[in-house]
PDB file of N, CA and C in Angstrom:
ATOM      1  N   MET A   1       1.093  -1.006  -0.381  1.00  0.00           N
ATOM      2  CA  MET A   1       0.086   0.226  -0.107  1.00  0.00           C
ATOM      3  C   MET A   1       0.977   1.319  -0.096  1.00  0.00           C
ATOM      4  N   ASP A   2       0.525   2.664  -0.530  1.00  0.00           N
ATOM      5  CA  ASP A   2       1.552   4.061  -0.649  1.00  0.00           C
ATOM      6  C   ASP A   2       0.095   4.560   0.317  1.00  0.00           C
ATOM      7  N   ILE A   3       1.050   5.643   0.214  1.00  0.00           N
ATOM      8  CA  ILE A   3       0.886   7.367   0.985  1.00  0.00           C
ATOM      9  C   ILE A   3      -0.979   7.278   1.321  1.00  0.00           C
ATOM     10  N   ASN A   4      -1.445   7.372   0.045  1.00  0.00           N
ATOM     11  CA  ASN A   4      -1.703   7.954  -1.193  1.00  0.00           C
ATOM     12  C   ASN A   4      -3.582   6.899  -0.450  1.00  0.00           C
ATOM     13  N   GLU A   5      -3.005   5.467  -0.499  1.00  0.00           N
ATOM     14  CA  GLU A   5      -4.078   4.906  -0.032  1.00  0.00           C
ATOM     15  C   GLU A   5      -4.590   4.781   0.856  1.00  0.00           C
ATOM     16  N   ILE A   6      -2.813   4.566   2.289  1.00  0.00           N
ATOM     17  CA  ILE A   6      -3.509   4.697   3.752  1.00  0.00           C
ATOM     18  C   ILE A   6      -4.307   5.784   3.979  1.00  0.00           C
ATOM     19  N   LEU A   7      -3.801   7.099   3.720  1.00  0.00           N
ATOM     20  CA  LEU A   7      -4.929   8.062   3.703  1.00  0.00           C
ATOM     21  C   LEU A   7      -6.227   8.006   3.695  1.00  0.00           C
ATOM     22  N   GLU A   8      -6.454   7.895   2.327  1.00  0.00           N
ATOM     23  CA  GLU A   8      -7.722   7.807   1.565  1.00  0.00           C
ATOM     24  C   GLU A   8      -8.651   7.060   2.531  1.00  0.00           C
ATOM     25  N   TYR A   9      -7.820   4.932   2.743  1.00  0.00           N
ATOM     26  CA  TYR A   9      -8.514   4.375   3.929  1.00  0.00           C
ATOM     27  C   TYR A   9      -9.242   5.437   5.217  1.00  0.00           C
ATOM     28  N   CYS A  10      -8.184   6.083   5.711  1.00  0.00           N
ATOM     29  CA  CYS A  10      -8.596   5.950   6.874  1.00  0.00           C
ATOM     30  C   CYS A  10      -9.271   7.595   7.505  1.00  0.00           C
ATOM     31  N   LEU A  11      -8.774   8.937   5.688  1.00  0.00           N
ATOM     32  CA  LEU A  11     -10.414   9.763   6.329  1.00  0.00           C
ATOM     33  C   LEU A  11     -11.548   9.562   5.956  1.00  0.00           C
ATOM     34  N   ALA A  12     -12.059   8.483   6.100  1.00  0.00           N
ATOM     35  CA  ALA A  12     -13.425   7.640   5.057  1.00  0.00           C
ATOM     36  C   ALA A  12     -13.733   7.156   6.531  1.00  0.00           C
ATOM     37  N   LYS A  13     -13.011   7.553   7.459  1.00  0.00           N
ATOM     38  CA  LYS A  13     -13.486   7.149   8.560  1.00  0.00           C
ATOM     39  C   LYS A  13     -14.298   8.161   9.169  1.00  0.00           C
ATOM     40  N   LYS A  14     -15.246   7.807  10.583  1.00  0.00           N
ATOM     41  CA  LYS A  14     -15.605   9.119  10.760  1.00  0.00           C
ATOM     42  C   LYS A  14     -14.658   9.226  12.376  1.00  0.00           C
ATOM     43  N   GLY A  15     -14.778  11.094  12.509  1.00  0.00           N
ATOM     44  CA  GLY A  15     -14.405  11.483  12.745  1.00  0.00           C
ATOM     45  C   GLY A  15     -12.998  11.811  12.869  1.00  0.00           C
ATOM     46  N   VAL A  16     -12.652  11.284  11.510  1.00  0.00           N
ATOM     47  CA  VAL A  16     -10.710  11.325  11.583  1.00  0.00           C
ATOM     48  C   VAL A  16     -10.332  12.594  11.078  1.00  0.00           C
ATOM     49  N   THR A  17      -9.156  13.352  11.710  1.00  0.00           N
ATOM     50  CA  THR A  17      -8.712  14.259  11.611  1.00  0.00           C
ATOM     51  C   THR A  17      -7.377  13.726  10.655  1.00  0.00           C
ATOM     52  N   GLU A  18      -6.507  15.183  10.256  1.00  0.00           N
ATOM     53  CA  GLU A  18      -5.009  15.031  10.374  1.00  0.00           C
ATOM     54  C   GLU A  18      -4.205  16.209  10.468  1.00  0.00           C
ATOM     55  N   SER A  19      -3.308  16.695  10.745  1.00  0.00           N
ATOM     56  CA  SER A  19      -2.317  17.427  11.605  1.00  0.00           C
ATOM     57  C   SER A  19      -0.864  16.850  11.433  1.00  0.00           C
ATOM     58  N   PHE A  20      -0.113  17.851  11.640  1.00  0.00           N
ATOM     59  CA  PHE A  20       1.246  18.368  11.870  1.00  0.00           C
ATOM     60  C   PHE A  20       1.933  19.066  13.186  1.00  0.00           C
ATOM     61  N   PRO A  21       1.440  17.552  14.212  1.00  0.00           N
ATOM     62  CA  PRO A  21       1.306  18.403  15.689  1.00  0.00           C
ATOM     63  C   PRO A  21       3.161  18.510  15.720  1.00  0.00           C
ATOM     64  N   PHE A  22       3.843  17.912  15.407  1.00  0.00           N
ATOM     65  CA  PHE A  22       5.463  17.171  15.916  1.00  0.00           C
ATOM     66  C   PHE A  22       6.521  18.253  14.946  1.00  0.00           C
ATOM     67  N   ASP A  23       6.147  18.112  13.910  1.00  0.00           N
ATOM     68  CA  ASP A  23       7.232  18.695  12.336  1.00  0.00           C
ATOM     69  C   ASP A  23       6.366  18.830  11.173  1.00  0.00           C
ATOM     70  N   ASN A  24       7.577  19.169  10.397  1.00  0.00           N
ATOM     71  CA  ASN A  24       6.277  19.259   8.845  1.00  0.00           C
ATOM     72  C   ASN A  24       6.490  17.601   8.196  1.00  0.00           C
ATOM     73  N   GLU A  25       7.469  16.563   9.184  1.00  0.00           N
ATOM     74  CA  GLU A  25       7.289  14.991   8.228  1.00  0.00           C
ATOM     75  C   GLU A  25       6.194  14.229   8.926  1.00  0.00           C
ATOM     76  N   THR A  26       5.801  14.816  10.204  1.00  0.00           N
ATOM     77  CA  THR A  26       5.063  13.255  10.860  1.00  0.00           C
ATOM     78  C   THR A  26       3.747  13.580  10.443  1.00  0.00           C
ATOM     79  N   LEU A  27       2.626  13.141   9.345  1.00  0.00           N
ATOM     80  CA  LEU A  27       1.775  13.143   9.589  1.00  0.00           C
ATOM     81  C   LEU A  27       0.780  12.463  10.824  1.00  0.00           C
ATOM     82  N   VAL A  28      -0.280  13.256  11.683  1.00  0.00           N
ATOM     83  CA  VAL A  28      -0.722  12.346  12.573  1.00  0.00           C
ATOM     84  C   VAL A  28      -2.422  12.602  12.660  1.00  0.00           C
ATOM     85  N   LEU A  29      -2.863  11.248  12.084  1.00  0.00           N
ATOM     86  CA  LEU A  29      -4.829  11.186  12.082  1.00  0.00           C
ATOM     87  C   LEU A  29      -5.035  11.024  13.672  1.00  0.00           C
ATOM     88  N   LYS A  30      -6.088  11.670  13.435  1.00  0.00           N
ATOM     89  CA  LYS A  30      -6.507  11.400  15.207  1.00  0.00           C
ATOM     90  C   LYS A  30      -7.820  11.045  14.548  1.00  0.00           C
ATOM     91  N   VAL A  31      -8.878  10.403  15.899  1.00  0.00           N
ATOM     92  CA  VAL A  31     -10.023  10.172  15.679  1.00  0.00           C
ATOM     93  C   VAL A  31     -11.006  11.452  17.345  1.00  0.00           C
ATOM     94  N   GLY A  32     -11.327  11.665  16.754  1.00  0.00           N
ATOM     95  CA  GLY A  32     -11.530  12.786  18.083  1.00  0.00           C
ATOM     96  C   GLY A  32     -10.616  13.681  17.929  1.00  0.00           C
ATOM     97  N   THR A  33     -10.071  13.584  19.790  1.00  0.00           N
ATOM     98  CA  THR A  33      -8.672  14.455  19.966  1.00  0.00           C
ATOM     99  C   THR A  33      -7.778  13.205  19.953  1.00  0.00           C
ATOM    100  N   LYS A  34      -7.545  12.015  19.350  1.00  0.00           N
ATOM    101  CA  LYS A  34      -6.749  11.241  19.950  1.00  0.00           C
ATOM    102  C   LYS A  34      -6.186  10.296  19.129  1.00  0.00           C
ATOM    103  N   MET A  35      -4.800  10.774  18.565  1.00  0.00           N
ATOM    104  CA  MET A  35      -3.945   9.678  17.740  1.00  0.00           C
ATOM    105  C   MET A  35      -4.239   8.749  17.495  1.00  0.00           C
ATOM    106  N   PHE A  36      -4.897   7.786  16.281  1.00  0.00           N
ATOM    107  CA  PHE A  36      -4.618   6.018  16.536  1.00  0.00           C
ATOM    108  C   PHE A  36      -3.547   6.053  15.225  1.00  0.00           C
ATOM    109  N   LEU A  37      -3.006   7.443  14.194  1.00  0.00           N
ATOM    110  CA  LEU A  37      -2.352   6.165  13.481  1.00  0.00           C
ATOM    111  C   LEU A  37      -1.275   7.706  12.965  1.00  0.00           C
ATOM    112  N   LEU A  38       0.394   7.222  12.485  1.00  0.00           N
ATOM    113  CA  LEU A  38       1.518   7.885  12.557  1.00  0.00           C
ATOM    114  C   LEU A  38       1.782   7.853  11.072  1.00  0.00           C
ATOM    115  N   VAL A  39       2.659   9.076  10.041  1.00  0.00           N
ATOM    116  CA  VAL A  39       3.546   8.126   9.519  1.00  0.00           C
ATOM    117  C   VAL A  39       4.312   9.655   8.949  1.00  0.00           C
ATOM    118  N   ALA A  40       5.617   8.498   9.035  1.00  0.00           N
ATOM    119  CA  ALA A  40       6.965   9.685   8.581  1.00  0.00           C
ATOM    120  C   ALA A  40       6.953  10.005   7.058  1.00  0.00           C
ATOM    121  N   LEU A  41       6.055  10.927   6.585  1.00  0.00           N
ATOM    122  CA  LEU A  41       5.946  11.087   5.220  1.00  0.00           C
ATOM    123  C   LEU A  41       7.492  10.984   4.064  1.00  0.00           C
ATOM    124  N   GLU A  42       8.555  10.964   5.129  1.00  0.00           N
ATOM    125  CA  GLU A  42       9.915  11.196   4.131  1.00  0.00           C
ATOM    126  C   GLU A  42      10.418  10.008   4.256  1.00  0.00           C
ATOM    127  N   LYS A  43      10.580   9.608   5.083  1.00  0.00           N
ATOM    128  CA  LYS A  43      10.807   7.984   5.007  1.00  0.00           C
ATOM    129  C   LYS A  43      10.808   7.299   3.924  1.00  0.00           C
ATOM    130  N   GLN A  44      11.619   6.538   3.645  1.00  0.00           N
ATOM    131  CA  GLN A  44      11.094   5.219   3.304  1.00  0.00           C
ATOM    132  C   GLN A  44      12.377   4.014   3.426  1.00  0.00           C
ATOM    133  N   PRO A  45      11.673   2.779   3.258  1.00  0.00           N
ATOM    134  CA  PRO A  45       9.790   2.671   2.742  1.00  0.00           C
ATOM    135  C   PRO A  45       9.179   3.253   4.290  1.00  0.00           C
ATOM    136  N   LEU A  46       7.848   3.143   3.565  1.00  0.00           N
ATOM    137  CA  LEU A  46       6.782   3.363   4.133  1.00  0.00           C
ATOM    138  C   LEU A  46       6.484   3.054   5.071  1.00  0.00           C
ATOM    139  N   GLY A  47       6.524   3.561   6.554  1.00  0.00           N
ATOM    140  CA  GLY A  47       6.068   3.433   7.614  1.00  0.00           C
ATOM    141  C   GLY A  47       4.846   3.890   8.258  1.00  0.00           C
ATOM    142  N   ILE A  48       4.065   3.279   9.655  1.00  0.00           N
ATOM    143  CA  ILE A  48       2.969   3.503  10.200  1.00  0.00           C
ATOM    144  C   ILE A  48       3.267   3.043  11.016  1.00  0.00           C
ATOM    145  N   ASN A  49       2.990   3.915  12.023  1.00  0.00           N
ATOM    146  CA  ASN A  49       3.037   3.281  13.782  1.00  0.00           C
ATOM    147  C   ASN A  49       1.575   2.902  14.224  1.00  0.00           C
ATOM    148  N   VAL A  50       0.768   2.065  14.148  1.00  0.00           N
ATOM    149  CA  VAL A  50      -1.098   1.865  14.917  1.00  0.00           C
ATOM    150  C   VAL A  50      -0.744   1.682  16.384  1.00  0.00           C
ATOM    151  N   LYS A  51      -2.008   1.577  16.936  1.00  0.00           N
ATOM    152  CA  LYS A  51      -2.041   0.768  18.607  1.00  0.00           C
ATOM    153  C   LYS A  51      -2.427  -0.278  17.823  1.00  0.00           C
ATOM    154  N   THR A  52      -1.645  -1.249  18.653  1.00  0.00           N
ATOM    155  CA  THR A  52      -2.231  -3.392  19.035  1.00  0.00           C
ATOM    156  C   THR A  52      -2.759  -3.370  19.669  1.00  0.00           C
ATOM    157  N   ASP A  53      -3.377  -4.639  19.953  1.00  0.00           N
ATOM    158  CA  ASP A  53      -4.039  -5.565  21.440  1.00  0.00           C
ATOM    159  C   ASP A  53      -2.538  -5.494  22.268  1.00  0.00           C
ATOM    160  N   PRO A  54      -2.222  -5.791  23.273  1.00  0.00           N
ATOM    161  CA  PRO A  54      -0.877  -6.043  23.441  1.00  0.00           C
ATOM    162  C   PRO A  54      -0.693  -7.350  23.142  1.00  0.00           C
ATOM    163  N   GLU A  55      -1.685  -7.991  23.060  1.00  0.00           N
ATOM    164  CA  GLU A  55      -1.251  -9.769  22.930  1.00  0.00           C
ATOM    165  C   GLU A  55      -1.352  -9.806  21.499  1.00  0.00           C
ATOM    166  N   TRP A  56      -1.868  -9.293  20.530  1.00  0.00           N
ATOM    167  CA  TRP A  56      -1.577  -9.477  19.145  1.00  0.00           C
ATOM    168  C   TRP A  56      -0.339  -9.380  18.480  1.00  0.00           C
ATOM    169  N   SER A  57      -0.031  -7.452  19.381  1.00  0.00           N
ATOM    170  CA  SER A  57       1.136  -6.923  19.108  1.00  0.00           C
ATOM    171  C   SER A  57       2.308  -8.101  18.936  1.00  0.00           C
ATOM    172  N   ALA A  58       2.877  -8.612  20.203  1.00  0.00           N
ATOM    173  CA  ALA A  58       3.799  -9.639  20.817  1.00  0.00           C
ATOM    174  C   ALA A  58       3.393 -10.615  19.127  1.00  0.00           C
ATOM    175  N   GLU A  59       2.558 -11.365  19.135  1.00  0.00           N
ATOM    176  CA  GLU A  59       2.282 -12.488  17.250  1.00  0.00           C
ATOM    177  C   GLU A  59       2.819 -11.912  16.790  1.00  0.00           C
ATOM    178  N   LEU A  60       2.291  -9.974  16.094  1.00  0.00           N
ATOM    179  CA  LEU A  60       3.250  -9.520  15.013  1.00  0.00           C
ATOM    180  C   LEU A  60       4.540  -9.632  14.731  1.00  0.00           C
ATOM    181  N   ARG A  61       5.540  -9.256  15.996  1.00  0.00           N
ATOM    182  CA  ARG A  61       6.493  -9.191  16.063  1.00  0.00           C
ATOM    183  C   ARG A  61       7.286  -9.781  15.721  1.00  0.00           C
ATOM    184  N   GLU A  62       6.859 -11.175  16.423  1.00  0.00           N
ATOM    185  CA  GLU A  62       7.830 -12.269  16.467  1.00  0.00           C
ATOM    186  C   GLU A  62       7.223 -13.103  14.665  1.00  0.00           C
ATOM    187  N   GLN A  63       6.102 -12.892  14.249  1.00  0.00           N
ATOM    188  CA  GLN A  63       5.804 -13.408  12.765  1.00  0.00           C
ATOM    189  C   GLN A  63       6.311 -12.213  11.631  1.00  0.00           C
ATOM    190  N   TYR A  64       6.825 -10.968  11.892  1.00  0.00           N
ATOM    191  CA  TYR A  64       6.692 -10.137  11.084  1.00  0.00           C
ATOM    192  C   TYR A  64       8.300  -9.619  11.324  1.00  0.00           C
ATOM    193  N   PRO A  65       8.937  -9.638  10.717  1.00  0.00           N
ATOM    194  CA  PRO A  65      10.161  -8.895  11.191  1.00  0.00           C
ATOM    195  C   PRO A  65      10.329  -6.799  11.090  1.00  0.00           C
ATOM    196  N   GLN A  66       8.748  -6.589  10.140  1.00  0.00           N
ATOM    197  CA  GLN A  66       8.504  -5.582   9.367  1.00  0.00           C
ATOM    198  C   GLN A  66       7.911  -4.459  10.671  1.00  0.00           C
ATOM    199  N   ILE A  67       7.433  -5.680  11.780  1.00  0.00           N
ATOM    200  CA  ILE A  67       6.988  -5.064  12.810  1.00  0.00           C
ATOM    201  C   ILE A  67       7.795  -5.117  14.390  1.00  0.00           C
ATOM    202  N   THR A  68       7.588  -3.599  15.004  1.00  0.00           N
ATOM    203  CA  THR A  68       8.496  -3.625  16.073  1.00  0.00           C
ATOM    204  C   THR A  68       7.782  -2.708  16.720  1.00  0.00           C
ATOM    205  N   GLY A  69       8.159  -2.710  18.207  1.00  0.00           N
ATOM    206  CA  GLY A  69       7.487  -1.284  18.910  1.00  0.00           C
ATOM    207  C   GLY A  69       8.379  -0.150  18.247  1.00  0.00           C
ATOM    208  N   ALA A  70       6.967   0.821  18.513  1.00  0.00           N
ATOM    209  CA  ALA A  70       7.260   1.910  17.836  1.00  0.00           C
ATOM    210  C   ALA A  70       8.071   2.646  18.510  1.00  0.00           C
ATOM    211  N   TYR A  71       8.795   3.918  18.269  1.00  0.00           N
ATOM    212  CA  TYR A  71       9.634   4.790  18.502  1.00  0.00           C
ATOM    213  C   TYR A  71       8.926   5.183  19.875  1.00  0.00           C
ATOM    214  N   HIS A  72       9.882   5.958  20.924  1.00  0.00           N
ATOM    215  CA  HIS A  72       9.510   7.155  22.031  1.00  0.00           C
ATOM    216  C   HIS A  72       7.749   6.471  21.607  1.00  0.00           C
ATOM    217  N   MET A  73       7.174   5.454  21.697  1.00  0.00           N
ATOM    218  CA  MET A  73       6.091   5.367  21.913  1.00  0.00           C
ATOM    219  C   MET A  73       5.560   4.299  22.807  1.00  0.00           C
ATOM    220  N   ASN A  74       5.118   3.758  23.546  1.00  0.00           N
ATOM    221  CA  ASN A  74       4.468   2.705  24.594  1.00  0.00           C
ATOM    222  C   ASN A  74       4.207   1.821  23.879  1.00  0.00           C
ATOM    223  N   LYS A  75       5.474   0.939  23.898  1.00  0.00           N
ATOM    224  CA  LYS A  75       5.851  -0.266  22.688  1.00  0.00           C
ATOM    225  C   LYS A  75       4.693  -1.645  23.542  1.00  0.00           C
ATOM    226  N   THR A  76       4.487  -1.009  24.492  1.00  0.00           N
ATOM    227  CA  THR A  76       2.941  -2.384  24.747  1.00  0.00           C
ATOM    228  C   THR A  76       2.275  -2.274  23.847  1.00  0.00           C
ATOM    229  N   HIS A  77       1.476  -1.411  23.668  1.00  0.00           N
ATOM    230  CA  HIS A  77       0.558  -0.827  22.693  1.00  0.00           C
ATOM    231  C   HIS A  77       0.640  -0.093  21.594  1.00  0.00           C
ATOM    232  N   TRP A  78       2.245   0.348  21.127  1.00  0.00           N
ATOM    233  CA  TRP A  78       2.128   1.186  19.649  1.00  0.00           C
ATOM    234  C   TRP A  78       3.365   0.194  18.815  1.00  0.00           C
ATOM    235  N   ASN A  79       3.024   0.146  17.492  1.00  0.00           N
ATOM    236  CA  ASN A  79       3.866  -1.003  16.351  1.00  0.00           C
ATOM    237  C   ASN A  79       4.763  -0.033  15.581  1.00  0.00           C
ATOM    238  N   SER A  80       5.493   0.085  15.297  1.00  0.00           N
ATOM    239  CA  SER A  80       6.058   0.531  14.234  1.00  0.00           C
ATOM    240  C   SER A  80       6.043  -0.233  12.699  1.00  0.00           C
ATOM    241  N   VAL A  81       5.246   0.175  11.351  1.00  0.00           N
ATOM    242  CA  VAL A  81       5.011  -0.695  11.121  1.00  0.00           C
ATOM    243  C   VAL A  81       5.217  -0.505   9.296  1.00  0.00           C
ATOM    244  N   LEU A  82       6.308  -1.299   8.662  1.00  0.00           N
ATOM    245  CA  LEU A  82       6.849  -0.832   7.513  1.00  0.00           C
ATOM    246  C   LEU A  82       6.495  -1.481   6.747  1.00  0.00           C
ATOM    247  N   THR A  83       5.618  -1.142   5.142  1.00  0.00           N
ATOM    248  CA  THR A  83       4.192  -1.680   5.130  1.00  0.00           C
ATOM    249  C   THR A  83       4.556  -2.871   3.980  1.00  0.00           C
ATOM    250  N   ASP A  84       6.436  -2.306   3.395  1.00  0.00           N
ATOM    251  CA  ASP A  84       6.747  -2.830   2.160  1.00  0.00           C
ATOM    252  C   ASP A  84       6.844  -4.869   3.053  1.00  0.00           C
ATOM    253  N   GLY A  85       6.201  -5.354   1.778  1.00  0.00           N
ATOM    254  CA  GLY A  85       6.142  -6.775   2.117  1.00  0.00           C
ATOM    255  C   GLY A  85       4.771  -7.370   2.949  1.00  0.00           C
ATOM    256  N   LEU A  86       4.160  -6.379   3.253  1.00  0.00           N
ATOM    257  CA  LEU A  86       3.466  -6.627   4.261  1.00  0.00           C
ATOM    258  C   LEU A  86       2.060  -7.185   2.868  1.00  0.00           C
ATOM    259  N   LYS A  87       0.483  -8.052   3.313  1.00  0.00           N
ATOM    260  CA  LYS A  87      -0.211  -7.989   1.874  1.00  0.00           C
ATOM    261  C   LYS A  87      -1.430  -6.853   2.850  1.00  0.00           C
ATOM    262  N   LYS A  88      -1.697  -6.482   1.625  1.00  0.00           N
ATOM    263  CA  LYS A  88      -3.165  -5.172   2.388  1.00  0.00           C
ATOM    264  C   LYS A  88      -4.195  -5.028   3.232  1.00  0.00           C
ATOM    265  N   ASP A  89      -4.586  -6.740   3.062  1.00  0.00           N
ATOM    266  CA  ASP A  89      -5.068  -7.068   4.018  1.00  0.00           C
ATOM    267  C   ASP A  89      -4.548  -6.651   6.071  1.00  0.00           C
ATOM    268  N   LEU A  90      -3.850  -6.717   5.818  1.00  0.00           N
ATOM    269  CA  LEU A  90      -2.816  -7.025   7.311  1.00  0.00           C
ATOM    270  C   LEU A  90      -2.879  -5.668   7.274  1.00  0.00           C
ATOM    271  N   ILE A  91      -2.358  -4.712   6.764  1.00  0.00           N
ATOM    272  CA  ILE A  91      -2.058  -3.290   7.257  1.00  0.00           C
ATOM    273  C   ILE A  91      -3.584  -2.643   6.944  1.00  0.00           C
ATOM    274  N   LEU A  92      -4.581  -3.071   6.255  1.00  0.00           N
ATOM    275  CA  LEU A  92      -6.052  -2.818   6.697  1.00  0.00           C
ATOM    276  C   LEU A  92      -6.096  -2.879   7.864  1.00  0.00           C
ATOM    277  N   ARG A  93      -6.629  -4.117   8.303  1.00  0.00           N
ATOM    278  CA  ARG A  93      -6.915  -5.295   9.785  1.00  0.00           C
ATOM    279  C   ARG A  93      -6.269  -4.054  10.388  1.00  0.00           C
ATOM    280  N   LEU A  94      -4.681  -3.922  10.634  1.00  0.00           N
ATOM    281  CA  LEU A  94      -3.982  -2.934  11.737  1.00  0.00           C
ATOM    282  C   LEU A  94      -4.418  -1.785  11.893  1.00  0.00           C
ATOM    283  N   ILE A  95      -5.027  -0.823  10.795  1.00  0.00           N
ATOM    284  CA  ILE A  95      -5.739  -0.139  10.553  1.00  0.00           C
ATOM    285  C   ILE A  95      -7.168   0.584  10.976  1.00  0.00           C
ATOM    286  N   ASP A  96      -7.516  -0.783  10.999  1.00  0.00           N
ATOM    287  CA  ASP A  96      -8.945  -0.730  11.689  1.00  0.00           C
ATOM    288  C   ASP A  96      -8.915  -0.675  13.336  1.00  0.00           C
ATOM    289  N   GLN A  97      -7.842  -1.648  13.595  1.00  0.00           N
ATOM    290  CA  GLN A  97      -7.762  -2.337  14.857  1.00  0.00           C
ATOM    291  C   GLN A  97      -7.273  -1.116  15.559  1.00  0.00           C
ATOM    292  N   SER A  98      -6.139  -0.189  15.472  1.00  0.00           N
ATOM    293  CA  SER A  98      -5.705   1.163  15.637  1.00  0.00           C
ATOM    294  C   SER A  98      -6.966   2.215  16.402  1.00  0.00           C
ATOM    295  N   TYR A  99      -7.243   2.282  15.424  1.00  0.00           N
ATOM    296  CA  TYR A  99      -8.708   3.218  15.268  1.00  0.00           C
ATOM    297  C   TYR A  99     -10.008   2.988  16.049  1.00  0.00           C
ATOM    298  N   GLU A 100     -10.204   1.561  16.058  1.00  0.00           N
ATOM    299  CA  GLU A 100     -11.638   0.778  16.316  1.00  0.00           C
ATOM    300  C   GLU A 100     -10.548   0.719  18.277  1.00  0.00           C
ATOM    301  N   LEU A 101      -9.140   1.062  18.491  1.00  0.00           N
ATOM    302  CA  LEU A 101      -8.948   1.170  20.072  1.00  0.00           C
ATOM    303  C   LEU A 101      -8.886   2.317  20.276  1.00  0.00           C
ATOM    304  N   VAL A 102      -9.015   3.273  19.823  1.00  0.00           N
ATOM    305  CA  VAL A 102      -8.850   4.634  20.125  1.00  0.00           C
ATOM    306  C   VAL A 102     -10.358   4.700  20.298  1.00  0.00           C
ATOM    307  N   PHE A 103     -10.692   5.016  19.088  1.00  0.00           N
ATOM    308  CA  PHE A 103     -12.213   5.507  19.297  1.00  0.00           C
ATOM    309  C   PHE A 103     -12.835   5.305  20.646  1.00  0.00           C
ATOM    310  N   LYS A 104     -12.887   3.372  20.785  1.00  0.00           N
ATOM    311  CA  LYS A 104     -13.130   2.821  22.272  1.00  0.00           C
ATOM    312  C   LYS A 104     -13.100   3.857  23.613  1.00  0.00           C
ATOM    313  N   SER A 105     -11.458   4.197  23.341  1.00  0.00           N
ATOM    314  CA  SER A 105     -10.962   5.216  24.861  1.00  0.00           C
ATOM    315  C   SER A 105     -11.522   6.539  24.717  1.00  0.00           C
ATOM    316  N   LEU A 106     -12.510   6.310  23.796  1.00  0.00           N
ATOM    317  CA  LEU A 106     -12.911   8.288  23.667  1.00  0.00           C
ATOM    318  C   LEU A 106     -13.913   8.918  25.237  1.00  0.00           C
ATOM    319  N   THR A 107     -14.780   9.539  25.606  1.00  0.00           N
ATOM    320  CA  THR A 107     -15.421   9.517  26.646  1.00  0.00           C
ATOM    321  C   THR A 107     -16.902   9.903  25.934  1.00  0.00           C
ATOM    322  N   LYS A 108     -18.109   8.818  26.244  1.00  0.00           N
ATOM    323  CA  LYS A 108     -18.820   8.767  25.331  1.00  0.00           C
ATOM    324  C   LYS A 108     -19.784   9.800  24.500  1.00  0.00           C
ATOM    325  N   LYS A 109     -19.385  11.155  25.656  1.00  0.00           N
ATOM    326  CA  LYS A 109     -19.852  12.126  24.836  1.00  0.00           C
ATOM    327  C   LYS A 109     -19.185  12.207  23.082  1.00  0.00           C
ATOM    328  N   GLN A 110     -18.416  12.375  22.921  1.00  0.00           N
ATOM    329  CA  GLN A 110     -17.051  12.061  21.932  1.00  0.00           C
ATOM    330  C   GLN A 110     -17.569  11.161  21.577  1.00  0.00           C
ATOM    331  N   ARG A 111     -17.956  10.198  21.408  1.00  0.00           N
ATOM    332  CA  ARG A 111     -18.471   9.160  20.637  1.00  0.00           C
ATOM    333  C   ARG A 111     -19.598   8.891  19.763  1.00  0.00           C
ATOM    334  N   GLU A 112     -20.334   9.614  20.955  1.00  0.00           N
ATOM    335  CA  GLU A 112     -21.898   9.778  20.189  1.00  0.00           C
ATOM    336  C   GLU A 112     -21.773  11.038  19.307  1.00  0.00           C
ATOM    337  N   GLU A 113     -21.101  12.404  19.556  1.00  0.00           N
ATOM    338  CA  GLU A 113     -20.488  12.894  18.601  1.00  0.00           C
ATOM    339  C   GLU A 113     -20.370  12.397  17.195  1.00  0.00           C
ATOM    340  N   ILE A 114     -19.249  11.653  17.344  1.00  0.00           N
ATOM    341  CA  ILE A 114     -18.512  11.290  16.083  1.00  0.00           C
ATOM    342  C   ILE A 114     -19.400  10.313  15.178  1.00  0.00           C
ATOM    343  N   GLU A 115     -20.101   9.736  16.406  1.00  0.00           N
ATOM    344  CA  GLU A 115     -21.091   8.786  15.578  1.00  0.00           C
ATOM    345  C   GLU A 115     -22.270   9.618  15.119  1.00  0.00           C
ATOM    346  N   ASN A 116     -22.707  11.029  15.258  1.00  0.00           N
ATOM    347  CA  ASN A 116     -23.640  11.398  14.883  1.00  0.00           C
ATOM    348  C   ASN A 116     -23.593  12.414  13.642  1.00  0.00           C
ATOM    349  N   ASN A 117     -22.010  12.573  13.380  1.00  0.00           N
ATOM    350  CA  ASN A 117     -22.024  13.336  12.336  1.00  0.00           C
ATOM    351  C   ASN A 117     -22.154  13.113  11.045  1.00  0.00           C
TER     352      ASN A 117
END
């Protein structure tokens, strides 16, 4: 998957916004007020950071050398994913889970606002 496919997929989800809060090279996608995906735009191969269930994270890291604990983030919950060599359906599952985990962590009011827009 390339960056355009990833962005199109993410931005089609409810309540997603994009910004550059850290620098001009790290694109952050949020649902509500919380990050669910980061992309280092200048790095090749393309890499993303996603939140995953800790048990699945351990499995993924054992199975795929492209998936490691995310640099400067809580490695129990966040993974860095180099997309080269990974199947599109796995990347989409990683994005979906990250979005869902973060969405569930929002307040009830925030979730309702997103669902009703």
